[in-house]
Amino acid sequence: MILGDFNMDIEQDGEKADRLLKWMDSCCHGPVVPDSNTSLRSDRTIDYAATIGVDLTIQAYEGDTTSDHNPLLGVLVGNKTSAGEESKIIWPVFTLMLSYIFDYWGKEWNTESYDITYERFISFLTLLKTRCQQHFKRNHARPSIPQNQMKLLAQSSSLAFKAKLKGDIELRKEARRLRNLARFELKRFQKEQLVKQLKEGTCQVKHLGCSG
């Protein structure tokens, strides 16, 4: 994942943006762009991310800031790895809790020191994330999506983004083809995993029967 100031608006900068998108394609990355402008001097969206195989959402903070860029707030879904255990964040709960304290933090950003409020806000997000984590046994976890399928999904997302910018019907068709191919491969992978798990379960039942 690459996150930061690209100094380029994907929707407004024409050929420069095309070259950036081609480079992302060559690296199997896809853009993740906030819905609002990030540059205060040019009213353009030049801060965003290029990702592959990660669940990332970002938004620009539109309150007072000492920078000439609106700060980005990104939420990246990840798993804590420990012996025999995994974890996930219950994002609907996380989002609901943020909605309850939105007004409070809006006042804090406007009245308190930016640096102090930033540290307090990050600390709060960290604690809230920990509170919204759910832990489970690793053998109860769903199998991860293979890397080649993640690349296929990223390519489809990137093409769909370019097709939307250019209004290109052929690009839209190719993006749809890649998306359908990725869905087909994912269903096949899930079916293979299900068959594998059923076989393992049958073997365990037979083993228990023999032991009894």
Foldseek 3Di string as FASTA:
>chain_A
DDWFFQVDALLPRPPVNVVVLVVLLVVLWAWAFAPFDFAQVPRGGGTTDTDFPWDKHKYFDDADDPDRTGDIDMDTWDWDDDVQKIKGFPVVVLVVVCVVCVVVLNVCCVPDDPVVSVVVVVVVSVVSRVVRMDMDTPVPDDDDDDRVLRSLLSNLNSLCVVCVSVVDPVSPVVSVVSVVVSVVVVVVVNVVVVVVVVVVVVVVVVVVVVVD
